[in-house]
Amino acid sequence: ARRNEMPSIGAVIAHEMNSRRKPSDFLPPFVSMNFGTGGGAGIIGAGCLDPKMNPLTLDTKAKLNFVLTEGERSRFDRRWDLLRKLEETGVESGGIARSRPIEEYNSHYQGAHSMMLADGIGKVLTINPDERKEYGSSSLGDACILAKNLISAEAGTRHVLIQHEGWDFHANIYDKSKPSNHYTVSRELDGALSSLLTDLRRMKTKDGSSLLEKTLVVCMGEFGRTVGDLTVNKGRDHNRFASTALFAGGGVKGGQIIGATDETGGKVADPGWNRKRSIYTEDVTATMYSALGIDWTKKITNTPSGRAFEYLEPVSSTTFVDFGEITPLFS
């Protein structure tokens, strides 16, 4: 039950950045892409925070129905007015009860409505065919183009979360006869991520600095994969003892490797920083919060359960852990 009231990282960022929104900001503070309706979609919500901190969810495999043509505008306005009147009638008659799910629904639709009417939305959510080819012509590439557009618009979006599915190869990981294998997903990631970083480095913010300097990019998965011989199904299983992550922009000093594994890549041999232990996902989270000027030691006390939500709980499954920012990234 408590899981439902725990906000995601993106929701916390949206909450913390809310006071900095300008009247001209027409984009949502938190945007997620390609999460579908599976398990991942259920853990990126606002939790106990204001429903406005929920992400705007985009699916780059589907049509992005947020850009109105001039001919569609009048019909859209009529339908929107009708929807509002029907809702008001339902509330007044007692047929629709005011509840958190209803408030979340209304908040989501009101935010989308405001965004659709903004003058700059067409430029943000339009993907140029030549640019799409440059980013690899994939759903991940499309998501990275939109992420770049959202950030460069400087119109309110503070956190973009993109899911790249298909890496969980418990079978046939290197089988090139399969439509999806380690090579295909690696090719998608290489094309999309490299193009994103190149464009962010080239583009300038309103104060003249590189957009990459103002944007922290984090690329990582949930865990690593087992090493050595393949499984009986010619795949690799989950490995919780070693994994990799890429950091760029946002003050990160490039060209360095922090930590090292053993010769097989199966476990951490050198943590590479001053805490004498492996870097955990909580340390990554602390680093992300700190890059945005967020105090990651804070907690939210007014939760439905009455149990405080700490931005970072200093515990693992077995002991207390002293989490912290990954300072070597910036030195």
C-alpha atoms as a PDB file:
ATOM      1  CA  ALA A   1       0.000   0.000   0.000  1.00  0.00           C
ATOM      2  CA  ARG A   2       2.834   2.401   0.799  1.00  0.00           C
ATOM      3  CA  ARG A   3       4.231   1.967  -2.689  1.00  0.00           C
ATOM      4  CA  ASN A   4       1.252   3.879  -4.071  1.00  0.00           C
ATOM      5  CA  GLU A   5       2.105   6.969  -2.017  1.00  0.00           C
ATOM      6  CA  MET A   6       5.835   7.006  -2.810  1.00  0.00           C
ATOM      7  CA  PRO A   7       6.679   9.582  -5.510  1.00  0.00           C
ATOM      8  CA  SER A   8       9.191   8.793  -8.221  1.00  0.00           C
ATOM      9  CA  ILE A   9      12.431  10.701  -8.742  1.00  0.00           C
ATOM     10  CA  GLY A  10      10.873  12.683 -11.578  1.00  0.00           C
ATOM     11  CA  ALA A  11       7.874  13.605  -9.432  1.00  0.00           C
ATOM     12  CA  VAL A  12      10.134  14.789  -6.601  1.00  0.00           C
ATOM     13  CA  ILE A  13      12.092  16.917  -9.074  1.00  0.00           C
ATOM     14  CA  ALA A  14       8.850  18.372 -10.449  1.00  0.00           C
ATOM     15  CA  HIS A  15       7.705  19.104  -6.890  1.00  0.00           C
ATOM     16  CA  GLU A  16      10.968  20.788  -5.909  1.00  0.00           C
ATOM     17  CA  MET A  17      11.178  22.821  -9.137  1.00  0.00           C
ATOM     18  CA  ASN A  18       7.532  23.905  -9.086  1.00  0.00           C
ATOM     19  CA  SER A  19       8.242  27.255  -7.432  1.00  0.00           C
ATOM     20  CA  ARG A  20      10.607  28.137 -10.278  1.00  0.00           C
ATOM     21  CA  ARG A  21       7.990  27.802 -13.008  1.00  0.00           C
ATOM     22  CA  LYS A  22       7.362  30.934 -15.035  1.00  0.00           C
ATOM     23  CA  PRO A  23       3.987  32.101 -16.392  1.00  0.00           C
ATOM     24  CA  SER A  24       5.329  31.431 -19.893  1.00  0.00           C
ATOM     25  CA  ASP A  25       6.165  27.777 -19.140  1.00  0.00           C
ATOM     26  CA  PHE A  26       3.794  25.627 -21.187  1.00  0.00           C
ATOM     27  CA  LEU A  27       5.569  22.271 -20.897  1.00  0.00           C
ATOM     28  CA  PRO A  28       5.093  19.850 -17.971  1.00  0.00           C
ATOM     29  CA  PRO A  29       7.960  19.590 -15.475  1.00  0.00           C
ATOM     30  CA  PHE A  30       8.223  15.798 -15.823  1.00  0.00           C
ATOM     31  CA  VAL A  31       7.937  13.834 -19.075  1.00  0.00           C
ATOM     32  CA  SER A  32       8.302  10.066 -19.442  1.00  0.00           C
ATOM     33  CA  MET A  33       8.546   8.172 -22.706  1.00  0.00           C
ATOM     34  CA  ASN A  34       7.963   4.603 -23.851  1.00  0.00           C
ATOM     35  CA  PHE A  35       6.865   3.124 -20.534  1.00  0.00           C
ATOM     36  CA  GLY A  36       3.616   1.684 -21.897  1.00  0.00           C
ATOM     37  CA  THR A  37       1.175   0.316 -19.349  1.00  0.00           C
ATOM     38  CA  GLY A  38       3.367  -2.401 -17.811  1.00  0.00           C
ATOM     39  CA  GLY A  39       5.041  -2.590 -14.420  1.00  0.00           C
ATOM     40  CA  GLY A  40       7.401   0.283 -15.137  1.00  0.00           C
ATOM     41  CA  ALA A  41       4.532   2.696 -15.702  1.00  0.00           C
ATOM     42  CA  GLY A  42       3.268   2.059 -12.173  1.00  0.00           C
ATOM     43  CA  ILE A  43       6.393   3.288 -10.389  1.00  0.00           C
ATOM     44  CA  ILE A  44       6.955   6.700 -11.997  1.00  0.00           C
ATOM     45  CA  GLY A  45       3.923   8.537 -10.636  1.00  0.00           C
ATOM     46  CA  ALA A  46       3.426  11.406  -8.192  1.00  0.00           C
ATOM     47  CA  GLY A  47       2.524   9.215  -5.221  1.00  0.00           C
ATOM     48  CA  CYS A  48       1.492  11.419  -2.296  1.00  0.00           C
ATOM     49  CA  LEU A  49       2.447  14.630  -4.125  1.00  0.00           C
ATOM     50  CA  ASP A  50       0.129  16.907  -6.085  1.00  0.00           C
ATOM     51  CA  PRO A  51      -1.233  15.065  -9.161  1.00  0.00           C
ATOM     52  CA  LYS A  52       0.360  17.773 -11.314  1.00  0.00           C
ATOM     53  CA  MET A  53       3.691  16.114 -10.534  1.00  0.00           C
ATOM     54  CA  ASN A  54       2.677  13.025 -12.507  1.00  0.00           C
ATOM     55  CA  PRO A  55       4.586  12.687 -15.773  1.00  0.00           C
ATOM     56  CA  LEU A  56       3.239  13.515 -19.174  1.00  0.00           C
ATOM     57  CA  THR A  57       3.571  10.100 -20.800  1.00  0.00           C
ATOM     58  CA  LEU A  58       4.529   9.874 -24.468  1.00  0.00           C
ATOM     59  CA  ASP A  59       4.805   6.791 -26.664  1.00  0.00           C
ATOM     60  CA  THR A  60       7.032   7.379 -29.675  1.00  0.00           C
ATOM     61  CA  LYS A  61       5.748   4.200 -31.308  1.00  0.00           C
ATOM     62  CA  ALA A  62       2.323   5.835 -31.569  1.00  0.00           C
ATOM     63  CA  LYS A  63       1.069   9.064 -33.113  1.00  0.00           C
ATOM     64  CA  LEU A  64       1.660  12.124 -30.936  1.00  0.00           C
ATOM     65  CA  ASN A  65      -1.802  13.665 -30.914  1.00  0.00           C
ATOM     66  CA  PHE A  66      -0.836  16.897 -29.183  1.00  0.00           C
ATOM     67  CA  VAL A  67      -0.358  19.188 -32.183  1.00  0.00           C
ATOM     68  CA  LEU A  68      -3.529  20.801 -33.523  1.00  0.00           C
ATOM     69  CA  THR A  69      -3.775  21.941 -37.119  1.00  0.00           C
ATOM     70  CA  GLU A  70      -5.596  25.192 -37.804  1.00  0.00           C
ATOM     71  CA  GLY A  71      -8.560  23.290 -39.220  1.00  0.00           C
ATOM     72  CA  GLU A  72      -8.889  21.138 -36.096  1.00  0.00           C
ATOM     73  CA  ARG A  73      -8.842  23.964 -33.575  1.00  0.00           C
ATOM     74  CA  SER A  74     -12.527  24.978 -33.634  1.00  0.00           C
ATOM     75  CA  ARG A  75     -13.769  21.377 -33.410  1.00  0.00           C
ATOM     76  CA  PHE A  76     -11.336  20.676 -30.579  1.00  0.00           C
ATOM     77  CA  ASP A  77     -12.573  23.735 -28.659  1.00  0.00           C
ATOM     78  CA  ARG A  78     -16.203  22.625 -29.020  1.00  0.00           C
ATOM     79  CA  ARG A  79     -15.448  19.119 -27.793  1.00  0.00           C
ATOM     80  CA  TRP A  80     -13.416  20.424 -24.875  1.00  0.00           C
ATOM     81  CA  ASP A  81     -16.248  22.712 -23.792  1.00  0.00           C
ATOM     82  CA  LEU A  82     -18.701  19.811 -24.046  1.00  0.00           C
ATOM     83  CA  LEU A  83     -16.444  17.603 -21.920  1.00  0.00           C
ATOM     84  CA  ARG A  84     -16.203  20.295 -19.223  1.00  0.00           C
ATOM     85  CA  LYS A  85     -19.988  20.765 -19.173  1.00  0.00           C
ATOM     86  CA  LEU A  86     -20.617  17.023 -18.876  1.00  0.00           C
ATOM     87  CA  GLU A  87     -18.182  16.801 -15.992  1.00  0.00           C
ATOM     88  CA  GLU A  88     -19.726  19.771 -14.186  1.00  0.00           C
ATOM     89  CA  THR A  89     -23.177  18.244 -14.606  1.00  0.00           C
ATOM     90  CA  GLY A  90     -21.940  14.936 -13.196  1.00  0.00           C
ATOM     91  CA  VAL A  91     -20.403  16.579 -10.139  1.00  0.00           C
ATOM     92  CA  GLU A  92     -23.432  18.755  -9.435  1.00  0.00           C
ATOM     93  CA  SER A  93     -25.804  15.793  -9.714  1.00  0.00           C
ATOM     94  CA  GLY A  94     -23.668  13.631  -7.448  1.00  0.00           C
ATOM     95  CA  GLY A  95     -22.895  11.150 -10.198  1.00  0.00           C
ATOM     96  CA  ILE A  96     -19.177  11.958 -10.062  1.00  0.00           C
ATOM     97  CA  ALA A  97     -17.553  12.025  -6.637  1.00  0.00           C
ATOM     98  CA  ARG A  98     -14.538  14.217  -5.986  1.00  0.00           C
ATOM     99  CA  SER A  99     -11.665  11.837  -5.300  1.00  0.00           C
ATOM    100  CA  ARG A 100      -7.924  11.672  -5.871  1.00  0.00           C
ATOM    101  CA  PRO A 101      -8.234   9.559  -9.062  1.00  0.00           C
ATOM    102  CA  ILE A 102     -10.721  12.085 -10.452  1.00  0.00           C
ATOM    103  CA  GLU A 103      -8.450  14.978  -9.490  1.00  0.00           C
ATOM    104  CA  GLU A 104      -5.489  13.237 -11.135  1.00  0.00           C
ATOM    105  CA  TYR A 105      -7.551  12.689 -14.275  1.00  0.00           C
ATOM    106  CA  ASN A 106      -8.613  16.337 -14.386  1.00  0.00           C
ATOM    107  CA  SER A 107      -5.105  17.598 -13.699  1.00  0.00           C
ATOM    108  CA  HIS A 108      -3.644  15.444 -16.455  1.00  0.00           C
ATOM    109  CA  TYR A 109      -6.180  16.556 -19.035  1.00  0.00           C
ATOM    110  CA  GLN A 110      -6.030  20.219 -18.034  1.00  0.00           C
ATOM    111  CA  GLY A 111      -2.261  20.193 -18.369  1.00  0.00           C
ATOM    112  CA  ALA A 112      -2.432  18.532 -21.778  1.00  0.00           C
ATOM    113  CA  HIS A 113      -5.090  21.021 -22.895  1.00  0.00           C
ATOM    114  CA  SER A 114      -2.959  24.022 -21.934  1.00  0.00           C
ATOM    115  CA  MET A 115       0.069  22.531 -23.647  1.00  0.00           C
ATOM    116  CA  MET A 116      -1.825  21.824 -26.871  1.00  0.00           C
ATOM    117  CA  LEU A 117      -2.905  25.466 -27.120  1.00  0.00           C
ATOM    118  CA  ALA A 118       0.624  26.848 -26.663  1.00  0.00           C
ATOM    119  CA  ASP A 119       2.224  28.434 -29.720  1.00  0.00           C
ATOM    120  CA  GLY A 120       5.509  26.546 -29.378  1.00  0.00           C
ATOM    121  CA  ILE A 121       4.181  23.011 -28.989  1.00  0.00           C
ATOM    122  CA  GLY A 122       4.369  22.160 -32.690  1.00  0.00           C
ATOM    123  CA  LYS A 123       8.110  22.765 -32.802  1.00  0.00           C
ATOM    124  CA  VAL A 124       8.694  20.711 -29.654  1.00  0.00           C
ATOM    125  CA  LEU A 125       6.728  17.615 -30.685  1.00  0.00           C
ATOM    126  CA  THR A 126       7.600  17.522 -34.382  1.00  0.00           C
ATOM    127  CA  ILE A 127      10.283  15.085 -35.545  1.00  0.00           C
ATOM    128  CA  ASN A 128      12.160  16.003 -38.719  1.00  0.00           C
ATOM    129  CA  PRO A 129      12.685  12.967 -41.036  1.00  0.00           C
ATOM    130  CA  ASP A 130      16.372  13.793 -41.596  1.00  0.00           C
ATOM    131  CA  GLU A 131      16.915  14.210 -37.868  1.00  0.00           C
ATOM    132  CA  ARG A 132      15.141  10.922 -37.209  1.00  0.00           C
ATOM    133  CA  LYS A 133      17.570   9.161 -39.539  1.00  0.00           C
ATOM    134  CA  GLU A 134      20.506  10.783 -37.761  1.00  0.00           C
ATOM    135  CA  TYR A 135      19.233   9.459 -34.405  1.00  0.00           C
ATOM    136  CA  GLY A 136      18.918   5.903 -35.714  1.00  0.00           C
ATOM    137  CA  SER A 137      15.298   5.698 -36.933  1.00  0.00           C
ATOM    138  CA  SER A 138      14.068   3.954 -33.781  1.00  0.00           C
ATOM    139  CA  SER A 139      11.577   4.611 -31.006  1.00  0.00           C
ATOM    140  CA  LEU A 140      14.525   5.381 -28.709  1.00  0.00           C
ATOM    141  CA  GLY A 141      15.957   7.812 -31.235  1.00  0.00           C
ATOM    142  CA  ASP A 142      12.585   9.525 -31.542  1.00  0.00           C
ATOM    143  CA  ALA A 143      12.379   9.811 -27.752  1.00  0.00           C
ATOM    144  CA  CYS A 144      15.846  11.380 -27.605  1.00  0.00           C
ATOM    145  CA  ILE A 145      14.852  13.924 -30.265  1.00  0.00           C
ATOM    146  CA  LEU A 146      11.787  14.869 -28.245  1.00  0.00           C
ATOM    147  CA  ALA A 147      13.876  15.041 -25.060  1.00  0.00           C
ATOM    148  CA  LYS A 148      16.271  17.422 -26.787  1.00  0.00           C
ATOM    149  CA  ASN A 149      13.351  19.548 -27.993  1.00  0.00           C
ATOM    150  CA  LEU A 150      11.735  19.603 -24.548  1.00  0.00           C
ATOM    151  CA  ILE A 151      14.931  20.684 -22.809  1.00  0.00           C
ATOM    152  CA  SER A 152      16.027  23.213 -25.438  1.00  0.00           C
ATOM    153  CA  ALA A 153      12.614  24.921 -25.385  1.00  0.00           C
ATOM    154  CA  GLU A 154      13.382  26.065 -21.808  1.00  0.00           C
ATOM    155  CA  ALA A 155       9.642  26.114 -21.187  1.00  0.00           C
ATOM    156  CA  GLY A 156       9.256  24.237 -17.913  1.00  0.00           C
ATOM    157  CA  THR A 157      10.456  20.650 -18.416  1.00  0.00           C
ATOM    158  CA  ARG A 158      13.020  19.703 -15.770  1.00  0.00           C
ATOM    159  CA  HIS A 159      13.197  15.919 -15.964  1.00  0.00           C
ATOM    160  CA  VAL A 160      12.848  13.568 -18.929  1.00  0.00           C
ATOM    161  CA  LEU A 161      12.782   9.810 -18.344  1.00  0.00           C
ATOM    162  CA  ILE A 162      13.150   7.454 -21.314  1.00  0.00           C
ATOM    163  CA  GLN A 163      12.819   3.679 -21.216  1.00  0.00           C
ATOM    164  CA  HIS A 164      14.668   1.566 -23.782  1.00  0.00           C
ATOM    165  CA  GLU A 165      13.207  -1.913 -23.640  1.00  0.00           C
ATOM    166  CA  GLY A 166      14.571  -5.177 -24.987  1.00  0.00           C
ATOM    167  CA  TRP A 167      17.817  -5.727 -23.087  1.00  0.00           C
ATOM    168  CA  ASP A 168      16.651  -8.645 -20.921  1.00  0.00           C
ATOM    169  CA  PHE A 169      18.152 -11.426 -23.039  1.00  0.00           C
ATOM    170  CA  HIS A 170      17.858 -14.579 -20.971  1.00  0.00           C
ATOM    171  CA  ALA A 171      17.920 -16.419 -24.291  1.00  0.00           C
ATOM    172  CA  ASN A 172      19.533 -15.974 -27.714  1.00  0.00           C
ATOM    173  CA  ILE A 173      21.385 -12.823 -26.720  1.00  0.00           C
ATOM    174  CA  TYR A 174      23.791 -12.890 -29.693  1.00  0.00           C
ATOM    175  CA  ASP A 175      21.546 -14.615 -32.248  1.00  0.00           C
ATOM    176  CA  LYS A 176      21.547 -12.290 -35.261  1.00  0.00           C
ATOM    177  CA  SER A 177      18.742 -14.273 -36.881  1.00  0.00           C
ATOM    178  CA  LYS A 178      16.366 -12.896 -34.232  1.00  0.00           C
ATOM    179  CA  PRO A 179      14.701  -9.519 -34.913  1.00  0.00           C
ATOM    180  CA  SER A 180      15.942  -8.271 -31.532  1.00  0.00           C
ATOM    181  CA  ASN A 181      19.315  -9.189 -30.073  1.00  0.00           C
ATOM    182  CA  HIS A 182      22.210  -7.583 -28.235  1.00  0.00           C
ATOM    183  CA  TYR A 183      23.520  -6.047 -31.439  1.00  0.00           C
ATOM    184  CA  THR A 184      20.234  -4.424 -32.472  1.00  0.00           C
ATOM    185  CA  VAL A 185      19.539  -2.762 -29.111  1.00  0.00           C
ATOM    186  CA  SER A 186      23.183  -1.663 -28.822  1.00  0.00           C
ATOM    187  CA  ARG A 187      22.965  -0.074 -32.266  1.00  0.00           C
ATOM    188  CA  GLU A 188      19.797   1.772 -31.271  1.00  0.00           C
ATOM    189  CA  LEU A 189      21.387   3.085 -28.083  1.00  0.00           C
ATOM    190  CA  ASP A 190      24.643   4.124 -29.750  1.00  0.00           C
ATOM    191  CA  GLY A 191      22.920   6.098 -32.498  1.00  0.00           C
ATOM    192  CA  ALA A 192      20.377   7.816 -30.271  1.00  0.00           C
ATOM    193  CA  LEU A 193      22.610   8.659 -27.309  1.00  0.00           C
ATOM    194  CA  SER A 194      25.593   9.880 -29.326  1.00  0.00           C
ATOM    195  CA  SER A 195      23.371  12.137 -31.447  1.00  0.00           C
ATOM    196  CA  LEU A 196      21.653  13.503 -28.342  1.00  0.00           C
ATOM    197  CA  LEU A 197      24.948  14.386 -26.657  1.00  0.00           C
ATOM    198  CA  THR A 198      26.294  15.940 -29.866  1.00  0.00           C
ATOM    199  CA  ASP A 199      23.234  18.146 -30.275  1.00  0.00           C
ATOM    200  CA  LEU A 200      23.128  19.166 -26.610  1.00  0.00           C
ATOM    201  CA  ARG A 201      26.791  20.175 -26.810  1.00  0.00           C
ATOM    202  CA  ARG A 202      26.162  22.200 -29.984  1.00  0.00           C
ATOM    203  CA  MET A 203      23.006  23.981 -28.823  1.00  0.00           C
ATOM    204  CA  LYS A 204      23.132  27.100 -26.682  1.00  0.00           C
ATOM    205  CA  THR A 205      20.900  28.198 -23.819  1.00  0.00           C
ATOM    206  CA  LYS A 206      19.538  31.708 -23.443  1.00  0.00           C
ATOM    207  CA  ASP A 207      22.611  32.730 -21.433  1.00  0.00           C
ATOM    208  CA  GLY A 208      24.959  31.482 -24.158  1.00  0.00           C
ATOM    209  CA  SER A 209      26.285  28.341 -22.476  1.00  0.00           C
ATOM    210  CA  SER A 210      26.116  24.874 -23.977  1.00  0.00           C
ATOM    211  CA  LEU A 211      22.847  23.073 -23.335  1.00  0.00           C
ATOM    212  CA  LEU A 212      24.873  20.034 -22.293  1.00  0.00           C
ATOM    213  CA  GLU A 213      26.558  22.100 -19.567  1.00  0.00           C
ATOM    214  CA  LYS A 214      23.114  22.758 -18.081  1.00  0.00           C
ATOM    215  CA  THR A 215      21.766  19.210 -18.520  1.00  0.00           C
ATOM    216  CA  LEU A 216      22.839  16.112 -16.598  1.00  0.00           C
ATOM    217  CA  VAL A 217      22.449  13.008 -18.774  1.00  0.00           C
ATOM    218  CA  VAL A 218      22.362   9.637 -17.008  1.00  0.00           C
ATOM    219  CA  CYS A 219      22.187   6.362 -18.952  1.00  0.00           C
ATOM    220  CA  MET A 220      21.933   3.180 -16.916  1.00  0.00           C
ATOM    221  CA  GLY A 221      20.018  -0.031 -16.366  1.00  0.00           C
ATOM    222  CA  GLU A 222      18.751  -1.894 -13.320  1.00  0.00           C
ATOM    223  CA  PHE A 223      21.649  -4.358 -13.087  1.00  0.00           C
ATOM    224  CA  GLY A 224      24.374  -6.066 -15.076  1.00  0.00           C
ATOM    225  CA  ARG A 225      24.378  -9.444 -16.815  1.00  0.00           C
ATOM    226  CA  THR A 226      26.074 -12.687 -15.838  1.00  0.00           C
ATOM    227  CA  VAL A 227      29.502 -13.334 -17.321  1.00  0.00           C
ATOM    228  CA  GLY A 228      31.290 -16.438 -18.561  1.00  0.00           C
ATOM    229  CA  ASP A 229      29.502 -19.154 -20.498  1.00  0.00           C
ATOM    230  CA  LEU A 230      26.012 -18.458 -21.786  1.00  0.00           C
ATOM    231  CA  THR A 231      23.013 -20.090 -20.135  1.00  0.00           C
ATOM    232  CA  VAL A 232      21.433 -23.238 -21.510  1.00  0.00           C
ATOM    233  CA  ASN A 233      19.146 -20.937 -23.508  1.00  0.00           C
ATOM    234  CA  LYS A 234      22.131 -19.055 -24.944  1.00  0.00           C
ATOM    235  CA  GLY A 235      21.476 -15.935 -22.911  1.00  0.00           C
ATOM    236  CA  ARG A 236      22.718 -14.066 -19.856  1.00  0.00           C
ATOM    237  CA  ASP A 237      20.865 -13.724 -16.553  1.00  0.00           C
ATOM    238  CA  HIS A 238      20.704 -10.829 -14.078  1.00  0.00           C
ATOM    239  CA  ASN A 239      23.897  -9.890 -12.244  1.00  0.00           C
ATOM    240  CA  ARG A 240      23.494  -7.743  -9.125  1.00  0.00           C
ATOM    241  CA  PHE A 241      27.215  -7.603  -8.368  1.00  0.00           C
ATOM    242  CA  ALA A 242      28.344  -5.271 -11.163  1.00  0.00           C
ATOM    243  CA  SER A 243      26.773  -2.864 -13.604  1.00  0.00           C
ATOM    244  CA  THR A 244      27.688   0.221 -15.611  1.00  0.00           C
ATOM    245  CA  ALA A 245      26.325   3.739 -16.001  1.00  0.00           C
ATOM    246  CA  LEU A 246      27.196   6.688 -18.228  1.00  0.00           C
ATOM    247  CA  PHE A 247      27.143  10.304 -17.031  1.00  0.00           C
ATOM    248  CA  ALA A 248      27.554  13.376 -19.231  1.00  0.00           C
ATOM    249  CA  GLY A 249      26.935  17.120 -19.026  1.00  0.00           C
ATOM    250  CA  GLY A 250      25.781  19.022 -15.963  1.00  0.00           C
ATOM    251  CA  GLY A 251      29.337  19.707 -14.817  1.00  0.00           C
ATOM    252  CA  VAL A 252      30.550  16.118 -15.237  1.00  0.00           C
ATOM    253  CA  LYS A 253      34.254  15.869 -16.085  1.00  0.00           C
ATOM    254  CA  GLY A 254      34.351  13.665 -19.165  1.00  0.00           C
ATOM    255  CA  GLY A 255      36.892  11.076 -20.220  1.00  0.00           C
ATOM    256  CA  GLN A 256      37.188   9.272 -16.902  1.00  0.00           C
ATOM    257  CA  ILE A 257      36.245   5.845 -15.592  1.00  0.00           C
ATOM    258  CA  ILE A 258      35.244   5.526 -11.948  1.00  0.00           C
ATOM    259  CA  GLY A 259      35.751   2.103 -10.416  1.00  0.00           C
ATOM    260  CA  ALA A 260      36.696  -1.221 -11.947  1.00  0.00           C
ATOM    261  CA  THR A 261      35.497  -4.815 -12.071  1.00  0.00           C
ATOM    262  CA  ASP A 262      37.497  -8.003 -11.925  1.00  0.00           C
ATOM    263  CA  GLU A 263      38.904  -9.329 -15.194  1.00  0.00           C
ATOM    264  CA  THR A 264      35.639 -11.066 -16.090  1.00  0.00           C
ATOM    265  CA  GLY A 265      33.414  -8.054 -15.454  1.00  0.00           C
ATOM    266  CA  GLY A 266      31.399 -10.095 -12.975  1.00  0.00           C
ATOM    267  CA  LYS A 267      31.918  -8.146  -9.749  1.00  0.00           C
ATOM    268  CA  VAL A 268      33.348  -4.871  -8.467  1.00  0.00           C
ATOM    269  CA  ALA A 269      37.065  -4.994  -7.655  1.00  0.00           C
ATOM    270  CA  ASP A 270      37.668  -1.274  -7.063  1.00  0.00           C
ATOM    271  CA  PRO A 271      34.750   1.048  -6.120  1.00  0.00           C
ATOM    272  CA  GLY A 272      36.744   4.045  -7.347  1.00  0.00           C
ATOM    273  CA  TRP A 273      35.554   6.540  -4.764  1.00  0.00           C
ATOM    274  CA  ASN A 274      35.961   7.412  -1.089  1.00  0.00           C
ATOM    275  CA  ARG A 275      33.117   5.388   0.443  1.00  0.00           C
ATOM    276  CA  LYS A 276      34.914   2.038   0.251  1.00  0.00           C
ATOM    277  CA  ARG A 277      31.900   0.297  -1.256  1.00  0.00           C
ATOM    278  CA  SER A 278      30.173  -0.065  -4.595  1.00  0.00           C
ATOM    279  CA  ILE A 279      28.160   2.841  -5.963  1.00  0.00           C
ATOM    280  CA  TYR A 280      24.435   2.207  -5.476  1.00  0.00           C
ATOM    281  CA  THR A 281      21.430   3.561  -7.339  1.00  0.00           C
ATOM    282  CA  GLU A 282      20.682   5.729  -4.295  1.00  0.00           C
ATOM    283  CA  ASP A 283      24.050   7.430  -4.802  1.00  0.00           C
ATOM    284  CA  VAL A 284      23.082   8.118  -8.410  1.00  0.00           C
ATOM    285  CA  THR A 285      19.788   9.583  -7.194  1.00  0.00           C
ATOM    286  CA  ALA A 286      21.570  11.816  -4.672  1.00  0.00           C
ATOM    287  CA  THR A 287      23.840  13.028  -7.472  1.00  0.00           C
ATOM    288  CA  MET A 288      20.885  13.849  -9.715  1.00  0.00           C
ATOM    289  CA  TYR A 289      19.076  15.750  -6.969  1.00  0.00           C
ATOM    290  CA  SER A 290      22.218  17.667  -6.017  1.00  0.00           C
ATOM    291  CA  ALA A 291      22.861  18.685  -9.634  1.00  0.00           C
ATOM    292  CA  LEU A 292      19.475  20.431  -9.558  1.00  0.00           C
ATOM    293  CA  GLY A 293      20.094  22.059  -6.203  1.00  0.00           C
ATOM    294  CA  ILE A 294      17.709  19.729  -4.369  1.00  0.00           C
ATOM    295  CA  ASP A 295      18.432  18.767  -0.768  1.00  0.00           C
ATOM    296  CA  TRP A 296      18.256  14.981  -1.009  1.00  0.00           C
ATOM    297  CA  THR A 297      18.172  14.574   2.795  1.00  0.00           C
ATOM    298  CA  LYS A 298      14.660  16.032   2.955  1.00  0.00           C
ATOM    299  CA  LYS A 299      11.508  14.115   3.773  1.00  0.00           C
ATOM    300  CA  ILE A 300       7.761  14.498   3.207  1.00  0.00           C
ATOM    301  CA  THR A 301       5.760  14.030   6.394  1.00  0.00           C
ATOM    302  CA  ASN A 302       2.151  14.653   5.324  1.00  0.00           C
ATOM    303  CA  THR A 303       1.605  11.285   3.651  1.00  0.00           C
ATOM    304  CA  PRO A 304      -1.676   9.298   3.655  1.00  0.00           C
ATOM    305  CA  SER A 305      -0.152   6.559   5.814  1.00  0.00           C
ATOM    306  CA  GLY A 306       1.429   9.005   8.238  1.00  0.00           C
ATOM    307  CA  ARG A 307       4.836   7.461   7.606  1.00  0.00           C
ATOM    308  CA  ALA A 308       7.381   9.997   6.372  1.00  0.00           C
ATOM    309  CA  PHE A 309       8.751   9.595   2.857  1.00  0.00           C
ATOM    310  CA  GLU A 310      12.482  10.249   2.778  1.00  0.00           C
ATOM    311  CA  TYR A 311      13.934  11.326  -0.552  1.00  0.00           C
ATOM    312  CA  LEU A 312      16.649   8.757   0.144  1.00  0.00           C
ATOM    313  CA  GLU A 313      16.129   6.194   2.883  1.00  0.00           C
ATOM    314  CA  PRO A 314      19.589   5.439   4.376  1.00  0.00           C
ATOM    315  CA  VAL A 315      19.024   1.693   4.532  1.00  0.00           C
ATOM    316  CA  SER A 316      19.497  -1.409   2.429  1.00  0.00           C
ATOM    317  CA  SER A 317      17.712  -4.709   2.944  1.00  0.00           C
ATOM    318  CA  THR A 318      20.149  -5.633   5.716  1.00  0.00           C
ATOM    319  CA  THR A 319      21.795  -2.523   7.173  1.00  0.00           C
ATOM    320  CA  PHE A 320      22.062   1.270   7.283  1.00  0.00           C
ATOM    321  CA  VAL A 321      23.985   2.803   4.382  1.00  0.00           C
ATOM    322  CA  ASP A 322      25.656   6.199   4.169  1.00  0.00           C
ATOM    323  CA  PHE A 323      24.560   7.237   0.685  1.00  0.00           C
ATOM    324  CA  GLY A 324      26.092  10.274  -0.970  1.00  0.00           C
ATOM    325  CA  GLU A 325      26.811  12.188  -4.144  1.00  0.00           C
ATOM    326  CA  ILE A 326      29.295  10.679  -6.601  1.00  0.00           C
ATOM    327  CA  THR A 327      31.743  13.573  -6.263  1.00  0.00           C
ATOM    328  CA  PRO A 328      34.537  12.094  -8.468  1.00  0.00           C
ATOM    329  CA  LEU A 329      32.260  12.693 -11.467  1.00  0.00           C
ATOM    330  CA  PHE A 330      32.815  16.420 -11.114  1.00  0.00           C
ATOM    331  CA  SER A 331      36.511  16.550 -10.195  1.00  0.00           C
END
